[in-house]
N, C-alpha and C. Protein backbone atom coordinates (compact mmCIF):
# COMPACT_ATOMS: atom_id res chain seq x y z
N MET A 1 -2.17 -35.55 -0.37
CA MET A 1 -3.03 -35.59 0.49
C MET A 1 -3.97 -36.88 0.30
N VAL A 2 -4.07 -37.46 1.17
CA VAL A 2 -5.11 -38.82 1.07
C VAL A 2 -6.70 -38.21 1.51
N GLY A 3 -7.57 -38.63 0.80
CA GLY A 3 -8.88 -38.07 1.09
C GLY A 3 -9.24 -36.64 0.84
N THR A 4 -8.45 -35.83 0.29
CA THR A 4 -8.67 -34.33 0.00
C THR A 4 -9.09 -34.41 -1.62
N ARG A 5 -10.27 -33.76 -1.83
CA ARG A 5 -10.66 -33.49 -3.33
C ARG A 5 -10.99 -31.91 -3.30
N LYS A 6 -10.12 -31.38 -4.23
CA LYS A 6 -10.56 -30.11 -4.62
C LYS A 6 -11.16 -29.73 -5.72
N ILE A 7 -12.07 -28.88 -5.88
CA ILE A 7 -13.12 -28.65 -6.90
C ILE A 7 -12.70 -27.01 -7.27
N TYR A 8 -12.67 -26.67 -8.58
CA TYR A 8 -12.24 -25.57 -9.20
C TYR A 8 -13.49 -25.21 -10.17
N ASP A 9 -13.92 -23.81 -10.19
CA ASP A 9 -15.02 -23.57 -10.89
C ASP A 9 -14.77 -22.14 -11.52
N PHE A 10 -15.54 -21.60 -12.30
CA PHE A 10 -15.42 -20.23 -12.63
C PHE A 10 -16.33 -19.16 -11.69
N ALA A 11 -15.75 -18.23 -11.23
CA ALA A 11 -16.60 -17.54 -10.32
C ALA A 11 -17.95 -16.90 -10.82
N LYS A 12 -17.84 -16.41 -12.11
CA LYS A 12 -19.18 -15.87 -12.80
C LYS A 12 -20.33 -17.10 -12.67
N LYS A 13 -20.26 -18.39 -12.42
CA LYS A 13 -21.19 -19.32 -12.30
C LYS A 13 -21.82 -19.00 -10.89
N TYR A 14 -21.35 -18.70 -9.78
CA TYR A 14 -21.69 -18.60 -8.62
C TYR A 14 -21.86 -16.90 -8.04
N ILE A 15 -21.19 -15.96 -8.82
CA ILE A 15 -21.16 -14.46 -8.11
C ILE A 15 -22.05 -13.82 -9.22
N PRO A 16 -23.07 -13.20 -9.02
CA PRO A 16 -23.94 -12.41 -9.83
C PRO A 16 -23.00 -11.40 -10.41
N GLU A 17 -23.23 -11.13 -11.74
CA GLU A 17 -22.71 -10.38 -12.78
C GLU A 17 -22.68 -8.94 -12.41
N ASP A 18 -23.63 -8.42 -11.87
CA ASP A 18 -23.75 -7.20 -11.28
C ASP A 18 -22.48 -7.00 -10.25
N LEU A 19 -21.97 -7.89 -9.45
CA LEU A 19 -21.16 -7.95 -8.46
C LEU A 19 -19.65 -8.01 -9.26
N ILE A 20 -19.73 -8.72 -10.13
CA ILE A 20 -18.44 -9.00 -10.95
C ILE A 20 -17.93 -7.71 -11.57
N ALA A 21 -19.00 -7.29 -12.21
CA ALA A 21 -18.72 -5.60 -13.17
C ALA A 21 -18.46 -4.46 -12.21
N PHE A 22 -18.83 -4.60 -11.01
CA PHE A 22 -18.90 -3.44 -10.12
C PHE A 22 -17.40 -2.82 -10.17
N ALA A 23 -17.66 -1.35 -10.32
CA ALA A 23 -16.14 -0.77 -10.51
C ALA A 23 -15.43 -0.75 -8.96
N ASP A 24 -14.16 -0.49 -9.21
CA ASP A 24 -13.58 -0.30 -8.03
C ASP A 24 -13.86 0.90 -7.30
N PRO A 25 -14.31 0.88 -6.01
CA PRO A 25 -14.64 2.07 -5.11
C PRO A 25 -13.47 3.17 -4.95
N ASN A 26 -12.24 2.49 -4.81
CA ASN A 26 -11.27 3.59 -4.47
C ASN A 26 -10.59 4.06 -5.77
N GLU A 27 -10.41 5.43 -5.82
CA GLU A 27 -10.24 6.09 -7.17
C GLU A 27 -8.54 5.90 -7.32
N ASN A 28 -7.90 5.83 -6.17
CA ASN A 28 -6.04 5.77 -6.18
C ASN A 28 -5.89 4.91 -5.07
N GLU A 29 -4.54 4.73 -5.11
CA GLU A 29 -3.93 3.88 -4.32
C GLU A 29 -3.85 4.22 -2.83
N GLU A 30 -3.76 5.43 -2.43
CA GLU A 30 -4.01 6.01 -1.37
C GLU A 30 -5.35 5.82 -0.71
N GLN A 31 -6.20 5.64 -1.50
CA GLN A 31 -7.61 5.47 -0.99
C GLN A 31 -7.74 4.00 -0.57
N TYR A 32 -7.14 3.11 -1.61
CA TYR A 32 -7.22 1.67 -1.22
C TYR A 32 -6.47 1.33 0.20
N TYR A 33 -5.25 1.99 0.29
CA TYR A 33 -4.51 1.70 1.49
C TYR A 33 -5.36 1.94 2.59
N ALA A 34 -5.97 3.13 2.85
CA ALA A 34 -6.77 3.71 3.71
C ALA A 34 -7.84 2.98 4.07
N TRP A 35 -8.55 2.20 3.13
CA TRP A 35 -9.50 1.49 3.34
C TRP A 35 -9.16 -0.01 3.91
N HIS A 36 -7.80 -0.47 3.43
CA HIS A 36 -7.51 -1.71 3.98
C HIS A 36 -6.93 -1.70 5.48
N VAL A 37 -6.31 -0.28 5.69
CA VAL A 37 -5.98 -0.30 7.15
C VAL A 37 -7.21 -0.02 8.17
N LYS A 38 -8.06 0.71 7.57
CA LYS A 38 -9.08 0.87 8.26
C LYS A 38 -9.96 -0.46 8.53
N ARG A 39 -9.86 -1.25 7.37
CA ARG A 39 -10.67 -2.71 7.81
C ARG A 39 -9.78 -3.42 8.79
N ARG A 40 -8.79 -3.41 8.61
CA ARG A 40 -7.91 -4.26 9.71
C ARG A 40 -7.75 -3.82 10.95
N VAL A 41 -7.72 -2.54 11.07
CA VAL A 41 -8.05 -2.01 12.65
C VAL A 41 -9.27 -2.28 13.11
N ALA A 42 -10.25 -2.15 12.21
CA ALA A 42 -11.93 -2.49 12.57
C ALA A 42 -11.90 -4.13 13.29
N SER A 43 -11.09 -5.08 12.51
CA SER A 43 -10.99 -6.47 12.79
C SER A 43 -10.38 -6.76 14.02
N ILE A 44 -8.74 -6.32 14.03
CA ILE A 44 -8.20 -6.74 15.31
C ILE A 44 -7.70 -5.46 16.34
N GLY A 45 -8.28 -4.26 15.95
CA GLY A 45 -7.84 -3.25 16.78
C GLY A 45 -6.63 -2.65 16.31
N MET A 46 -5.92 -1.63 17.15
CA MET A 46 -4.83 -0.91 16.98
C MET A 46 -3.44 -2.11 17.42
N VAL A 47 -2.53 -2.31 16.56
CA VAL A 47 -1.45 -3.26 16.73
C VAL A 47 -0.17 -2.32 16.44
N TRP A 48 0.73 -2.13 17.12
CA TRP A 48 1.96 -1.78 16.87
C TRP A 48 2.91 -2.62 15.61
N PRO A 49 3.31 -1.79 14.29
CA PRO A 49 3.59 -2.46 13.20
C PRO A 49 4.90 -3.03 13.35
N LEU A 50 5.42 -2.94 14.95
CA LEU A 50 6.77 -3.56 15.13
C LEU A 50 6.69 -4.45 16.09
N SER A 51 5.39 -4.90 16.71
CA SER A 51 5.30 -5.58 17.64
C SER A 51 5.65 -7.29 17.51
N GLY A 52 5.71 -7.71 16.48
CA GLY A 52 6.16 -9.01 16.02
C GLY A 52 4.86 -9.55 15.59
N SER A 53 3.65 -8.90 15.68
CA SER A 53 2.24 -9.62 15.20
C SER A 53 2.30 -9.85 13.91
N ASN A 54 1.67 -11.06 13.52
CA ASN A 54 1.03 -11.33 12.07
C ASN A 54 0.04 -10.45 11.76
N ALA A 55 -0.59 -9.74 12.46
CA ALA A 55 -1.82 -8.92 11.92
C ALA A 55 -1.84 -8.02 10.84
N TRP A 56 -0.54 -7.67 10.35
CA TRP A 56 -0.47 -6.92 9.25
C TRP A 56 0.10 -7.66 7.93
N LEU A 57 0.23 -8.94 8.00
CA LEU A 57 0.73 -9.78 6.90
C LEU A 57 -0.50 -9.63 5.90
N GLY A 58 -0.12 -9.93 4.80
CA GLY A 58 -1.06 -9.95 3.45
C GLY A 58 -1.28 -8.70 2.88
N ILE A 59 -0.86 -7.45 3.53
CA ILE A 59 -1.13 -6.04 2.74
C ILE A 59 -0.33 -5.67 1.92
N LYS A 60 -0.55 -5.94 0.79
CA LYS A 60 0.34 -5.51 -0.49
C LYS A 60 0.68 -4.13 -0.30
N GLY A 61 1.88 -3.42 -0.23
CA GLY A 61 2.55 -2.33 -0.10
C GLY A 61 2.58 -1.52 1.15
N LEU A 62 2.57 -2.52 2.21
CA LEU A 62 2.59 -2.23 3.64
C LEU A 62 3.44 -0.89 4.14
N LYS A 63 4.74 -0.63 3.18
CA LYS A 63 5.61 0.34 3.59
C LYS A 63 4.83 1.76 3.25
N LYS A 64 4.09 1.87 2.30
CA LYS A 64 3.33 3.06 1.85
C LYS A 64 2.11 3.24 2.90
N ILE A 65 1.70 2.17 3.49
CA ILE A 65 0.71 2.41 4.54
C ILE A 65 1.28 3.06 5.75
N TRP A 66 2.43 2.69 6.03
CA TRP A 66 2.93 3.50 7.40
C TRP A 66 3.45 4.79 6.99
N LEU A 67 3.61 4.99 5.71
CA LEU A 67 4.00 6.36 5.44
C LEU A 67 2.72 7.30 5.63
N LEU A 68 1.50 6.68 5.02
CA LEU A 68 0.14 7.53 5.10
C LEU A 68 -0.17 7.58 6.53
N CYS A 69 0.26 6.63 7.27
CA CYS A 69 -0.22 6.88 8.52
C CYS A 69 0.35 7.85 9.37
N SER A 70 1.92 7.95 8.89
CA SER A 70 2.60 9.11 9.57
C SER A 70 2.24 10.33 9.14
N THR A 71 1.74 10.57 7.76
CA THR A 71 1.23 11.59 7.19
C THR A 71 -0.14 12.25 7.61
N ASN A 72 -0.95 11.21 8.27
CA ASN A 72 -2.20 11.38 8.77
C ASN A 72 -3.18 11.37 7.60
N SER A 73 -2.72 10.75 6.42
CA SER A 73 -3.47 10.61 5.52
C SER A 73 -4.90 9.55 5.48
N LEU A 74 -4.96 9.04 6.79
CA LEU A 74 -5.84 8.01 7.12
C LEU A 74 -7.29 8.42 7.70
N SER A 75 -7.40 9.84 7.94
CA SER A 75 -8.38 10.18 8.59
C SER A 75 -9.75 10.39 7.53
N GLY A 76 -10.75 10.37 8.31
CA GLY A 76 -12.00 10.45 7.50
C GLY A 76 -12.65 9.12 7.82
């Protein structure tokens, strides 16, 4: 790429130490998936998973999420 300059540095130089050391608020995978789906739905609205939309891309463990949805484990 012409005219492109990339600069990398350590996150600890720019992010406060208390944020870096903050514990994960999700106690288990199920809580993480529930949080991720709720966050995605809040940003894009409800999207059918088979609609051909790219809205669900980038969520690790997507099949587990659909299982949680089908068992109503995302309430709360």
